[in-house]
Amino acid sequence: MTQATRAYEAASGHRSQRAQEADLFRQANGGLRAARQADVLTRERAIADNRRLWLTVGDLMQDPANMLPVELRASIISVGLAVQREMDRPQPDFEFLISINEHLAAGLSEGG
């Protein structure tokens, strides 16, 4: 195990799961921000990373063991579908995608 991996694991042990989840949305936004003015490959990579994040979120919201209220889970799924549709467009609106991720990160940070 690398020193960086050990340091991350030690640091993440002191942060809530929600804070760690918020960081995933912020990390995806870093890629999306960089991709706005980048080459096609960088844009595609940022979209692919964001897509994986949102597919995972969708799967988690559909998990019967998920303890979030059903209405909230349904709302998050609905937002995720809108994000997926935007990412499927030939020219995705990066500002929209960044905004959605920022709102999710902020919501997760408020609760944790």
PDB file of N, CA and C in Angstrom:
ATOM      1  N   MET A   1       0.852  -1.168   0.000  1.00  0.00           N
ATOM      2  CA  MET A   1       0.000   0.000   0.000  1.00  0.00           C
ATOM      3  C   MET A   1       0.903   1.239   0.000  1.00  0.00           C
ATOM      4  N   THR A   2       0.562   2.206  -0.858  1.00  0.00           N
ATOM      5  CA  THR A   2       1.386   3.402  -0.952  1.00  0.00           C
ATOM      6  C   THR A   2       1.131   4.329   0.232  1.00  0.00           C
ATOM      7  N   GLN A   3       2.083   5.217   0.444  1.00  0.00           N
ATOM      8  CA  GLN A   3       1.939   6.187   1.536  1.00  0.00           C
ATOM      9  C   GLN A   3       0.730   7.083   1.293  1.00  0.00           C
ATOM     10  N   ALA A   4       0.498   7.462   0.043  1.00  0.00           N
ATOM     11  CA  ALA A   4      -0.649   8.314  -0.279  1.00  0.00           C
ATOM     12  C   ALA A   4      -1.965   7.594   0.019  1.00  0.00           C
ATOM     13  N   THR A   5      -2.033   6.306  -0.301  1.00  0.00           N
ATOM     14  CA  THR A   5      -3.246   5.533  -0.034  1.00  0.00           C
ATOM     15  C   THR A   5      -3.508   5.443   1.465  1.00  0.00           C
ATOM     16  N   ARG A   6      -2.471   5.188   2.233  1.00  0.00           N
ATOM     17  CA  ARG A   6      -2.624   5.117   3.697  1.00  0.00           C
ATOM     18  C   ARG A   6      -3.077   6.468   4.260  1.00  0.00           C
ATOM     19  N   ALA A   7      -2.501   7.535   3.744  1.00  0.00           N
ATOM     20  CA  ALA A   7      -2.874   8.873   4.226  1.00  0.00           C
ATOM     21  C   ALA A   7      -4.333   9.171   3.901  1.00  0.00           C
ATOM     22  N   TYR A   8      -4.773   8.809   2.690  1.00  0.00           N
ATOM     23  CA  TYR A   8      -6.170   9.044   2.310  1.00  0.00           C
ATOM     24  C   TYR A   8      -7.104   8.234   3.198  1.00  0.00           C
ATOM     25  N   GLU A   9      -6.787   6.969   3.410  1.00  0.00           N
ATOM     26  CA  GLU A   9      -7.639   6.124   4.246  1.00  0.00           C
ATOM     27  C   GLU A   9      -7.711   6.659   5.668  1.00  0.00           C
ATOM     28  N   ALA A  10      -6.605   7.133   6.197  1.00  0.00           N
ATOM     29  CA  ALA A  10      -6.609   7.693   7.552  1.00  0.00           C
ATOM     30  C   ALA A  10      -7.444   8.968   7.603  1.00  0.00           C
ATOM     31  N   ALA A  11      -7.304   9.819   6.604  1.00  0.00           N
ATOM     32  CA  ALA A  11      -8.058  11.076   6.575  1.00  0.00           C
ATOM     33  C   ALA A  11      -9.542  10.817   6.367  1.00  0.00           C
ATOM     34  N   SER A  12      -9.877   9.886   5.492  1.00  0.00           N
ATOM     35  CA  SER A  12     -11.285   9.637   5.205  1.00  0.00           C
ATOM     36  C   SER A  12     -11.981   8.996   6.397  1.00  0.00           C
ATOM     37  N   GLY A  13     -11.230   8.358   7.271  1.00  0.00           N
ATOM     38  CA  GLY A  13     -11.823   7.763   8.464  1.00  0.00           C
ATOM     39  C   GLY A  13     -12.334   8.804   9.443  1.00  0.00           C
ATOM     40  N   HIS A  14     -11.879  10.032   9.289  1.00  0.00           N
ATOM     41  CA  HIS A  14     -12.295  11.117  10.179  1.00  0.00           C
ATOM     42  C   HIS A  14     -13.393  11.980   9.575  1.00  0.00           C
ATOM     43  N   ARG A  15     -13.816  11.658   8.366  1.00  0.00           N
ATOM     44  CA  ARG A  15     -14.862  12.422   7.704  1.00  0.00           C
ATOM     45  C   ARG A  15     -16.093  11.551   7.538  1.00  0.00           C
ATOM     46  N   SER A  16     -17.235  12.191   7.549  1.00  0.00           N
ATOM     47  CA  SER A  16     -18.478  11.440   7.401  1.00  0.00           C
ATOM     48  C   SER A  16     -18.603  10.893   5.979  1.00  0.00           C
ATOM     49  N   GLN A  17     -19.443   9.904   5.832  1.00  0.00           N
ATOM     50  CA  GLN A  17     -19.693   9.335   4.504  1.00  0.00           C
ATOM     51  C   GLN A  17     -20.274  10.401   3.591  1.00  0.00           C
ATOM     52  N   ARG A  18     -21.155  11.233   4.135  1.00  0.00           N
ATOM     53  CA  ARG A  18     -21.762  12.296   3.322  1.00  0.00           C
ATOM     54  C   ARG A  18     -20.704  13.267   2.805  1.00  0.00           C
ATOM     55  N   ALA A  19     -19.735  13.606   3.651  1.00  0.00           N
ATOM     56  CA  ALA A  19     -18.663  14.514   3.222  1.00  0.00           C
ATOM     57  C   ALA A  19     -17.842  13.865   2.106  1.00  0.00           C
ATOM     58  N   GLN A  20     -17.603  12.585   2.225  1.00  0.00           N
ATOM     59  CA  GLN A  20     -16.859  11.873   1.190  1.00  0.00           C
ATOM     60  C   GLN A  20     -17.664  11.818  -0.107  1.00  0.00           C
ATOM     61  N   GLU A  21     -18.975  11.624  -0.004  1.00  0.00           N
ATOM     62  CA  GLU A  21     -19.834  11.603  -1.190  1.00  0.00           C
ATOM     63  C   GLU A  21     -19.856  12.982  -1.851  1.00  0.00           C
ATOM     64  N   ALA A  22     -19.923  14.043  -1.051  1.00  0.00           N
ATOM     65  CA  ALA A  22     -19.888  15.397  -1.593  1.00  0.00           C
ATOM     66  C   ALA A  22     -18.598  15.619  -2.373  1.00  0.00           C
ATOM     67  N   ASP A  23     -17.506  15.089  -1.862  1.00  0.00           N
ATOM     68  CA  ASP A  23     -16.215  15.230  -2.541  1.00  0.00           C
ATOM     69  C   ASP A  23     -16.222  14.549  -3.912  1.00  0.00           C
ATOM     70  N   LEU A  24     -16.969  13.453  -4.054  1.00  0.00           N
ATOM     71  CA  LEU A  24     -17.052  12.794  -5.361  1.00  0.00           C
ATOM     72  C   LEU A  24     -17.702  13.710  -6.391  1.00  0.00           C
ATOM     73  N   PHE A  25     -18.759  14.431  -5.984  1.00  0.00           N
ATOM     74  CA  PHE A  25     -19.400  15.369  -6.897  1.00  0.00           C
ATOM     75  C   PHE A  25     -18.468  16.534  -7.213  1.00  0.00           C
ATOM     76  N   ARG A  26     -17.725  16.997  -6.218  1.00  0.00           N
ATOM     77  CA  ARG A  26     -16.765  18.083  -6.454  1.00  0.00           C
ATOM     78  C   ARG A  26     -15.645  17.624  -7.384  1.00  0.00           C
ATOM     79  N   GLN A  27     -15.201  16.395  -7.216  1.00  0.00           N
ATOM     80  CA  GLN A  27     -14.154  15.861  -8.074  1.00  0.00           C
ATOM     81  C   GLN A  27     -14.653  15.771  -9.518  1.00  0.00           C
ATOM     82  N   ALA A  28     -15.868  15.284  -9.698  1.00  0.00           N
ATOM     83  CA  ALA A  28     -16.447  15.218 -11.050  1.00  0.00           C
ATOM     84  C   ALA A  28     -16.535  16.618 -11.642  1.00  0.00           C
ATOM     85  N   ASN A  29     -16.886  17.599 -10.817  1.00  0.00           N
ATOM     86  CA  ASN A  29     -16.964  18.966 -11.305  1.00  0.00           C
ATOM     87  C   ASN A  29     -15.614  19.507 -11.725  1.00  0.00           C
ATOM     88  N   GLY A  30     -14.569  19.108 -11.050  1.00  0.00           N
ATOM     89  CA  GLY A  30     -13.236  19.530 -11.464  1.00  0.00           C
ATOM     90  C   GLY A  30     -12.948  19.096 -12.894  1.00  0.00           C
ATOM     91  N   GLY A  31     -13.301  17.869 -13.190  1.00  0.00           N
ATOM     92  CA  GLY A  31     -13.119  17.362 -14.549  1.00  0.00           C
ATOM     93  C   GLY A  31     -14.003  18.076 -15.549  1.00  0.00           C
ATOM     94  N   LEU A  32     -15.261  18.335 -15.167  1.00  0.00           N
ATOM     95  CA  LEU A  32     -16.181  19.029 -16.066  1.00  0.00           C
ATOM     96  C   LEU A  32     -15.723  20.464 -16.327  1.00  0.00           C
ATOM     97  N   ARG A  33     -15.248  21.135 -15.289  1.00  0.00           N
ATOM     98  CA  ARG A  33     -14.759  22.515 -15.469  1.00  0.00           C
ATOM     99  C   ARG A  33     -13.561  22.552 -16.416  1.00  0.00           C
ATOM    100  N   ALA A  34     -12.641  21.638 -16.209  1.00  0.00           N
ATOM    101  CA  ALA A  34     -11.455  21.580 -17.064  1.00  0.00           C
ATOM    102  C   ALA A  34     -11.840  21.236 -18.502  1.00  0.00           C
ATOM    103  N   ALA A  35     -12.876  20.465 -18.678  1.00  0.00           N
ATOM    104  CA  ALA A  35     -13.270  19.991 -20.003  1.00  0.00           C
ATOM    105  C   ALA A  35     -13.969  21.054 -20.839  1.00  0.00           C
ATOM    106  N   ARG A  36     -14.492  22.074 -20.208  1.00  0.00           N
ATOM    107  CA  ARG A  36     -15.242  23.094 -20.965  1.00  0.00           C
ATOM    108  C   ARG A  36     -14.419  23.677 -22.106  1.00  0.00           C
ATOM    109  N   GLN A  37     -13.153  23.906 -21.876  1.00  0.00           N
ATOM    110  CA  GLN A  37     -12.290  24.545 -22.883  1.00  0.00           C
ATOM    111  C   GLN A  37     -11.208  23.591 -23.387  1.00  0.00           C
ATOM    112  N   ALA A  38     -11.437  22.309 -23.256  1.00  0.00           N
ATOM    113  CA  ALA A  38     -10.394  21.326 -23.575  1.00  0.00           C
ATOM    114  C   ALA A  38     -10.691  20.608 -24.889  1.00  0.00           C
ATOM    115  N   ASP A  39      -9.792  19.704 -25.217  1.00  0.00           N
ATOM    116  CA  ASP A  39      -9.939  18.890 -26.424  1.00  0.00           C
ATOM    117  C   ASP A  39     -11.062  17.867 -26.240  1.00  0.00           C
ATOM    118  N   VAL A  40     -11.426  17.235 -27.324  1.00  0.00           N
ATOM    119  CA  VAL A  40     -12.540  16.282 -27.334  1.00  0.00           C
ATOM    120  C   VAL A  40     -12.304  15.134 -26.363  1.00  0.00           C
ATOM    121  N   LEU A  41     -11.102  14.607 -26.331  1.00  0.00           N
ATOM    122  CA  LEU A  41     -10.805  13.474 -25.445  1.00  0.00           C
ATOM    123  C   LEU A  41     -11.014  13.848 -23.979  1.00  0.00           C
ATOM    124  N   THR A  42     -10.575  15.027 -23.589  1.00  0.00           N
ATOM    125  CA  THR A  42     -10.740  15.480 -22.205  1.00  0.00           C
ATOM    126  C   THR A  42     -12.216  15.673 -21.888  1.00  0.00           C
ATOM    127  N   ARG A  43     -12.970  16.223 -22.822  1.00  0.00           N
ATOM    128  CA  ARG A  43     -14.417  16.397 -22.604  1.00  0.00           C
ATOM    129  C   ARG A  43     -15.105  15.048 -22.452  1.00  0.00           C
ATOM    130  N   GLU A  44     -14.760  14.106 -23.331  1.00  0.00           N
ATOM    131  CA  GLU A  44     -15.373  12.769 -23.266  1.00  0.00           C
ATOM    132  C   GLU A  44     -15.035  12.065 -21.958  1.00  0.00           C
ATOM    133  N   ARG A  45     -13.821  12.230 -21.494  1.00  0.00           N
ATOM    134  CA  ARG A  45     -13.417  11.600 -20.226  1.00  0.00           C
ATOM    135  C   ARG A  45     -14.199  12.194 -19.060  1.00  0.00           C
ATOM    136  N   ALA A  46     -14.346  13.512 -19.041  1.00  0.00           N
ATOM    137  CA  ALA A  46     -15.100  14.165 -17.967  1.00  0.00           C
ATOM    138  C   ALA A  46     -16.557  13.712 -17.974  1.00  0.00           C
ATOM    139  N   ILE A  47     -17.139  13.619 -19.161  1.00  0.00           N
ATOM    140  CA  ILE A  47     -18.525  13.140 -19.271  1.00  0.00           C
ATOM    141  C   ILE A  47     -18.619  11.693 -18.814  1.00  0.00           C
ATOM    142  N   ALA A  48     -17.671  10.854 -19.203  1.00  0.00           N
ATOM    143  CA  ALA A  48     -17.685   9.439 -18.803  1.00  0.00           C
ATOM    144  C   ALA A  48     -17.565   9.302 -17.284  1.00  0.00           C
ATOM    145  N   ASP A  49     -16.695  10.095 -16.673  1.00  0.00           N
ATOM    146  CA  ASP A  49     -16.551  10.047 -15.212  1.00  0.00           C
ATOM    147  C   ASP A  49     -17.839  10.483 -14.527  1.00  0.00           C
ATOM    148  N   ASN A  50     -18.440  11.555 -15.039  1.00  0.00           N
ATOM    149  CA  ASN A  50     -19.693  12.035 -14.452  1.00  0.00           C
ATOM    150  C   ASN A  50     -20.816  11.026 -14.664  1.00  0.00           C
ATOM    151  N   ARG A  51     -20.813  10.381 -15.820  1.00  0.00           N
ATOM    152  CA  ARG A  51     -21.830   9.358 -16.103  1.00  0.00           C
ATOM    153  C   ARG A  51     -21.717   8.196 -15.108  1.00  0.00           C
ATOM    154  N   ARG A  52     -20.487   7.744 -14.854  1.00  0.00           N
ATOM    155  CA  ARG A  52     -20.290   6.646 -13.885  1.00  0.00           C
ATOM    156  C   ARG A  52     -20.786   7.051 -12.507  1.00  0.00           C
ATOM    157  N   LEU A  53     -20.510   8.284 -12.122  1.00  0.00           N
ATOM    158  CA  LEU A  53     -20.982   8.775 -10.824  1.00  0.00           C
ATOM    159  C   LEU A  53     -22.502   8.714 -10.756  1.00  0.00           C
ATOM    160  N   TRP A  54     -23.170   9.242 -11.789  1.00  0.00           N
ATOM    161  CA  TRP A  54     -24.631   9.285 -11.766  1.00  0.00           C
ATOM    162  C   TRP A  54     -25.274   7.914 -11.937  1.00  0.00           C
ATOM    163  N   LEU A  55     -24.645   7.023 -12.678  1.00  0.00           N
ATOM    164  CA  LEU A  55     -25.169   5.650 -12.767  1.00  0.00           C
ATOM    165  C   LEU A  55     -25.098   4.971 -11.404  1.00  0.00           C
ATOM    166  N   THR A  56     -24.019   5.216 -10.694  1.00  0.00           N
ATOM    167  CA  THR A  56     -23.868   4.653  -9.343  1.00  0.00           C
ATOM    168  C   THR A  56     -24.928   5.235  -8.409  1.00  0.00           C
ATOM    169  N   VAL A  57     -25.133   6.544  -8.496  1.00  0.00           N
ATOM    170  CA  VAL A  57     -26.163   7.183  -7.669  1.00  0.00           C
ATOM    171  C   VAL A  57     -27.527   6.562  -7.969  1.00  0.00           C
ATOM    172  N   GLY A  58     -27.834   6.399  -9.239  1.00  0.00           N
ATOM    173  CA  GLY A  58     -29.112   5.790  -9.617  1.00  0.00           C
ATOM    174  C   GLY A  58     -29.270   4.389  -9.063  1.00  0.00           C
ATOM    175  N   ASP A  59     -28.212   3.602  -9.151  1.00  0.00           N
ATOM    176  CA  ASP A  59     -28.257   2.240  -8.602  1.00  0.00           C
ATOM    177  C   ASP A  59     -28.491   2.261  -7.091  1.00  0.00           C
ATOM    178  N   LEU A  60     -27.801   3.169  -6.415  1.00  0.00           N
ATOM    179  CA  LEU A  60     -27.965   3.267  -4.956  1.00  0.00           C
ATOM    180  C   LEU A  60     -29.377   3.698  -4.572  1.00  0.00           C
ATOM    181  N   MET A  61     -29.971   4.568  -5.370  1.00  0.00           N
ATOM    182  CA  MET A  61     -31.323   5.051  -5.063  1.00  0.00           C
ATOM    183  C   MET A  61     -32.360   3.950  -5.283  1.00  0.00           C
ATOM    184  N   GLN A  62     -32.056   2.989  -6.147  1.00  0.00           N
ATOM    185  CA  GLN A  62     -32.987   1.899  -6.419  1.00  0.00           C
ATOM    186  C   GLN A  62     -32.782   0.698  -5.505  1.00  0.00           C
ATOM    187  N   ASP A  63     -31.756   0.737  -4.695  1.00  0.00           N
ATOM    188  CA  ASP A  63     -31.459  -0.366  -3.778  1.00  0.00           C
ATOM    189  C   ASP A  63     -32.542  -0.416  -2.695  1.00  0.00           C
ATOM    190  N   PRO A  64     -33.218  -1.543  -2.538  1.00  0.00           N
ATOM    191  CA  PRO A  64     -34.268  -1.651  -1.521  1.00  0.00           C
ATOM    192  C   PRO A  64     -33.751  -1.409  -0.093  1.00  0.00           C
ATOM    193  N   ALA A  65     -32.471  -1.598   0.130  1.00  0.00           N
ATOM    194  CA  ALA A  65     -31.905  -1.385   1.464  1.00  0.00           C
ATOM    195  C   ALA A  65     -31.602   0.090   1.736  1.00  0.00           C
ATOM    196  N   ASN A  66     -31.764   0.942   0.740  1.00  0.00           N
ATOM    197  CA  ASN A  66     -31.487   2.366   0.915  1.00  0.00           C
ATOM    198  C   ASN A  66     -32.475   2.946   1.923  1.00  0.00           C
ATOM    199  N   MET A  67     -31.953   3.651   2.914  1.00  0.00           N
ATOM    200  CA  MET A  67     -32.784   4.159   4.011  1.00  0.00           C
ATOM    201  C   MET A  67     -33.358   5.555   3.764  1.00  0.00           C
ATOM    202  N   LEU A  68     -33.016   6.180   2.645  1.00  0.00           N
ATOM    203  CA  LEU A  68     -33.585   7.490   2.351  1.00  0.00           C
ATOM    204  C   LEU A  68     -35.085   7.352   2.090  1.00  0.00           C
ATOM    205  N   PRO A  69     -35.852   8.408   2.373  1.00  0.00           N
ATOM    206  CA  PRO A  69     -37.283   8.360   2.065  1.00  0.00           C
ATOM    207  C   PRO A  69     -37.517   8.107   0.570  1.00  0.00           C
ATOM    208  N   VAL A  70     -38.543   7.356   0.264  1.00  0.00           N
ATOM    209  CA  VAL A  70     -38.844   6.971  -1.116  1.00  0.00           C
ATOM    210  C   VAL A  70     -39.000   8.207  -2.001  1.00  0.00           C
ATOM    211  N   GLU A  71     -39.652   9.248  -1.499  1.00  0.00           N
ATOM    212  CA  GLU A  71     -39.874  10.455  -2.289  1.00  0.00           C
ATOM    213  C   GLU A  71     -38.542  11.120  -2.650  1.00  0.00           C
ATOM    214  N   LEU A  72     -37.620  11.173  -1.714  1.00  0.00           N
ATOM    215  CA  LEU A  72     -36.315  11.770  -1.973  1.00  0.00           C
ATOM    216  C   LEU A  72     -35.539  10.932  -2.978  1.00  0.00           C
ATOM    217  N   ARG A  73     -35.590   9.633  -2.818  1.00  0.00           N
ATOM    218  CA  ARG A  73     -34.907   8.748  -3.760  1.00  0.00           C
ATOM    219  C   ARG A  73     -35.456   8.932  -5.161  1.00  0.00           C
ATOM    220  N   ALA A  74     -36.771   9.051  -5.285  1.00  0.00           N
ATOM    221  CA  ALA A  74     -37.396   9.252  -6.595  1.00  0.00           C
ATOM    222  C   ALA A  74     -36.962  10.586  -7.206  1.00  0.00           C
ATOM    223  N   SER A  75     -36.861  11.602  -6.388  1.00  0.00           N
ATOM    224  CA  SER A  75     -36.416  12.912  -6.881  1.00  0.00           C
ATOM    225  C   SER A  75     -34.978  12.855  -7.373  1.00  0.00           C
ATOM    226  N   ILE A  76     -34.131  12.172  -6.643  1.00  0.00           N
ATOM    227  CA  ILE A  76     -32.729  12.059  -7.045  1.00  0.00           C
ATOM    228  C   ILE A  76     -32.616  11.257  -8.340  1.00  0.00           C
ATOM    229  N   ILE A  77     -33.415  10.215  -8.466  1.00  0.00           N
ATOM    230  CA  ILE A  77     -33.430   9.437  -9.719  1.00  0.00           C
ATOM    231  C   ILE A  77     -33.865  10.329 -10.876  1.00  0.00           C
ATOM    232  N   SER A  78     -34.878  11.144 -10.664  1.00  0.00           N
ATOM    233  CA  SER A  78     -35.364  12.046 -11.705  1.00  0.00           C
ATOM    234  C   SER A  78     -34.276  13.036 -12.136  1.00  0.00           C
ATOM    235  N   VAL A  79     -33.573  13.593 -11.174  1.00  0.00           N
ATOM    236  CA  VAL A  79     -32.465  14.502 -11.490  1.00  0.00           C
ATOM    237  C   VAL A  79     -31.391  13.747 -12.268  1.00  0.00           C
ATOM    238  N   GLY A  80     -31.081  12.546 -11.827  1.00  0.00           N
ATOM    239  CA  GLY A  80     -30.074  11.735 -12.506  1.00  0.00           C
ATOM    240  C   GLY A  80     -30.443  11.442 -13.955  1.00  0.00           C
ATOM    241  N   LEU A  81     -31.714  11.214 -14.212  1.00  0.00           N
ATOM    242  CA  LEU A  81     -32.157  10.975 -15.591  1.00  0.00           C
ATOM    243  C   LEU A  81     -31.978  12.222 -16.444  1.00  0.00           C
ATOM    244  N   ALA A  82     -32.259  13.396 -15.868  1.00  0.00           N
ATOM    245  CA  ALA A  82     -32.048  14.654 -16.590  1.00  0.00           C
ATOM    246  C   ALA A  82     -30.561  14.852 -16.891  1.00  0.00           C
ATOM    247  N   VAL A  83     -29.719  14.520 -15.931  1.00  0.00           N
ATOM    248  CA  VAL A  83     -28.266  14.622 -16.130  1.00  0.00           C
ATOM    249  C   VAL A  83     -27.830  13.670 -17.244  1.00  0.00           C
ATOM    250  N   GLN A  84     -28.333  12.443 -17.219  1.00  0.00           N
ATOM    251  CA  GLN A  84     -27.976  11.470 -18.253  1.00  0.00           C
ATOM    252  C   GLN A  84     -28.405  11.964 -19.637  1.00  0.00           C
ATOM    253  N   ARG A  85     -29.613  12.521 -19.743  1.00  0.00           N
ATOM    254  CA  ARG A  85     -30.084  13.033 -21.031  1.00  0.00           C
ATOM    255  C   ARG A  85     -29.166  14.153 -21.532  1.00  0.00           C
ATOM    256  N   GLU A  86     -28.767  15.021 -20.614  1.00  0.00           N
ATOM    257  CA  GLU A  86     -27.879  16.126 -21.011  1.00  0.00           C
ATOM    258  C   GLU A  86     -26.532  15.590 -21.476  1.00  0.00           C
ATOM    259  N   MET A  87     -26.007  14.600 -20.802  1.00  0.00           N
ATOM    260  CA  MET A  87     -24.714  14.038 -21.184  1.00  0.00           C
ATOM    261  C   MET A  87     -24.789  13.306 -22.521  1.00  0.00           C
ATOM    262  N   ASP A  88     -25.982  12.856 -22.907  1.00  0.00           N
ATOM    263  CA  ASP A  88     -26.159  12.154 -24.174  1.00  0.00           C
ATOM    264  C   ASP A  88     -26.236  13.104 -25.369  1.00  0.00           C
ATOM    265  N   ARG A  89     -26.406  14.390 -25.118  1.00  0.00           N
ATOM    266  CA  ARG A  89     -26.506  15.362 -26.203  1.00  0.00           C
ATOM    267  C   ARG A  89     -25.152  15.507 -26.911  1.00  0.00           C
ATOM    268  N   PRO A  90     -25.179  15.859 -28.191  1.00  0.00           N
ATOM    269  CA  PRO A  90     -23.921  16.051 -28.912  1.00  0.00           C
ATOM    270  C   PRO A  90     -23.033  17.138 -28.280  1.00  0.00           C
ATOM    271  N   GLN A  91     -23.634  18.185 -27.759  1.00  0.00           N
ATOM    272  CA  GLN A  91     -22.898  19.272 -27.098  1.00  0.00           C
ATOM    273  C   GLN A  91     -23.500  19.481 -25.711  1.00  0.00           C
ATOM    274  N   PRO A  92     -23.110  18.678 -24.718  1.00  0.00           N
ATOM    275  CA  PRO A  92     -23.695  18.807 -23.381  1.00  0.00           C
ATOM    276  C   PRO A  92     -23.462  20.196 -22.791  1.00  0.00           C
ATOM    277  N   ASP A  93     -24.416  20.643 -22.025  1.00  0.00           N
ATOM    278  CA  ASP A  93     -24.314  21.927 -21.324  1.00  0.00           C
ATOM    279  C   ASP A  93     -23.518  21.692 -20.039  1.00  0.00           C
ATOM    280  N   PHE A  94     -22.232  21.995 -20.084  1.00  0.00           N
ATOM    281  CA  PHE A  94     -21.362  21.756 -18.943  1.00  0.00           C
ATOM    282  C   PHE A  94     -21.790  22.578 -17.732  1.00  0.00           C
ATOM    283  N   GLU A  95     -22.284  23.788 -17.970  1.00  0.00           N
ATOM    284  CA  GLU A  95     -22.717  24.628 -16.847  1.00  0.00           C
ATOM    285  C   GLU A  95     -23.885  23.981 -16.103  1.00  0.00           C
ATOM    286  N   PHE A  96     -24.800  23.378 -16.840  1.00  0.00           N
ATOM    287  CA  PHE A  96     -25.928  22.668 -16.218  1.00  0.00           C
ATOM    288  C   PHE A  96     -25.423  21.498 -15.379  1.00  0.00           C
ATOM    289  N   LEU A  97     -24.542  20.697 -15.962  1.00  0.00           N
ATOM    290  CA  LEU A  97     -24.019  19.527 -15.250  1.00  0.00           C
ATOM    291  C   LEU A  97     -23.257  19.947 -13.996  1.00  0.00           C
ATOM    292  N   ILE A  98     -22.454  20.975 -14.107  1.00  0.00           N
ATOM    293  CA  ILE A  98     -21.694  21.473 -12.958  1.00  0.00           C
ATOM    294  C   ILE A  98     -22.634  21.982 -11.880  1.00  0.00           C
ATOM    295  N   SER A  99     -23.660  22.695 -12.290  1.00  0.00           N
ATOM    296  CA  SER A  99     -24.630  23.242 -11.333  1.00  0.00           C
ATOM    297  C   SER A  99     -25.336  22.134 -10.549  1.00  0.00           C
ATOM    298  N   ILE A 100     -25.764  21.108 -11.241  1.00  0.00           N
ATOM    299  CA  ILE A 100     -26.446  19.985 -10.573  1.00  0.00           C
ATOM    300  C   ILE A 100     -25.501  19.331  -9.571  1.00  0.00           C
ATOM    301  N   ASN A 101     -24.263  19.069  -9.985  1.00  0.00           N
ATOM    302  CA  ASN A 101     -23.295  18.452  -9.081  1.00  0.00           C
ATOM    303  C   ASN A 101     -23.011  19.342  -7.879  1.00  0.00           C
ATOM    304  N   GLU A 102     -22.927  20.653  -8.098  1.00  0.00           N
ATOM    305  CA  GLU A 102     -22.697  21.581  -6.987  1.00  0.00           C
ATOM    306  C   GLU A 102     -23.842  21.529  -5.987  1.00  0.00           C
ATOM    307  N   HIS A 103     -25.068  21.472  -6.493  1.00  0.00           N
ATOM    308  CA  HIS A 103     -26.223  21.409  -5.600  1.00  0.00           C
ATOM    309  C   HIS A 103     -26.212  20.114  -4.775  1.00  0.00           C
ATOM    310  N   LEU A 104     -25.876  19.007  -5.420  1.00  0.00           N
ATOM    311  CA  LEU A 104     -25.809  17.741  -4.669  1.00  0.00           C
ATOM    312  C   LEU A 104     -24.716  17.776  -3.631  1.00  0.00           C
ATOM    313  N   ALA A 105     -23.549  18.298  -3.999  1.00  0.00           N
ATOM    314  CA  ALA A 105     -22.429  18.385  -3.051  1.00  0.00           C
ATOM    315  C   ALA A 105     -22.800  19.278  -1.874  1.00  0.00           C
ATOM    316  N   ALA A 106     -23.471  20.387  -2.154  1.00  0.00           N
ATOM    317  CA  ALA A 106     -23.872  21.300  -1.082  1.00  0.00           C
ATOM    318  C   ALA A 106     -24.875  20.626  -0.156  1.00  0.00           C
ATOM    319  N   GLY A 107     -25.832  19.915  -0.719  1.00  0.00           N
ATOM    320  CA  GLY A 107     -26.819  19.219   0.091  1.00  0.00           C
ATOM    321  C   GLY A 107     -26.189  18.148   0.968  1.00  0.00           C
ATOM    322  N   LEU A 108     -25.246  17.437   0.429  1.00  0.00           N
ATOM    323  CA  LEU A 108     -24.556  16.417   1.209  1.00  0.00           C
ATOM    324  C   LEU A 108     -23.712  17.056   2.310  1.00  0.00           C
ATOM    325  N   SER A 109     -23.101  18.184   2.003  1.00  0.00           N
ATOM    326  CA  SER A 109     -22.261  18.869   2.995  1.00  0.00           C
ATOM    327  C   SER A 109     -23.084  19.439   4.139  1.00  0.00           C
ATOM    328  N   GLU A 110     -24.284  19.928   3.840  1.00  0.00           N
ATOM    329  CA  GLU A 110     -25.148  20.494   4.874  1.00  0.00           C
ATOM    330  C   GLU A 110     -25.561  19.435   5.885  1.00  0.00           C
ATOM    331  N   GLY A 111     -25.776  18.225   5.421  1.00  0.00           N
ATOM    332  CA  GLY A 111     -26.257  17.166   6.318  1.00  0.00           C
ATOM    333  C   GLY A 111     -25.153  16.443   7.049  1.00  0.00           C
ATOM    334  N   GLY A 112     -23.902  16.674   6.688  1.00  0.00           N
ATOM    335  CA  GLY A 112     -22.834  15.898   7.272  1.00  0.00           C
ATOM    336  C   GLY A 112     -21.862  16.777   7.920  1.00  0.00           C
TER     337      GLY A 112
END
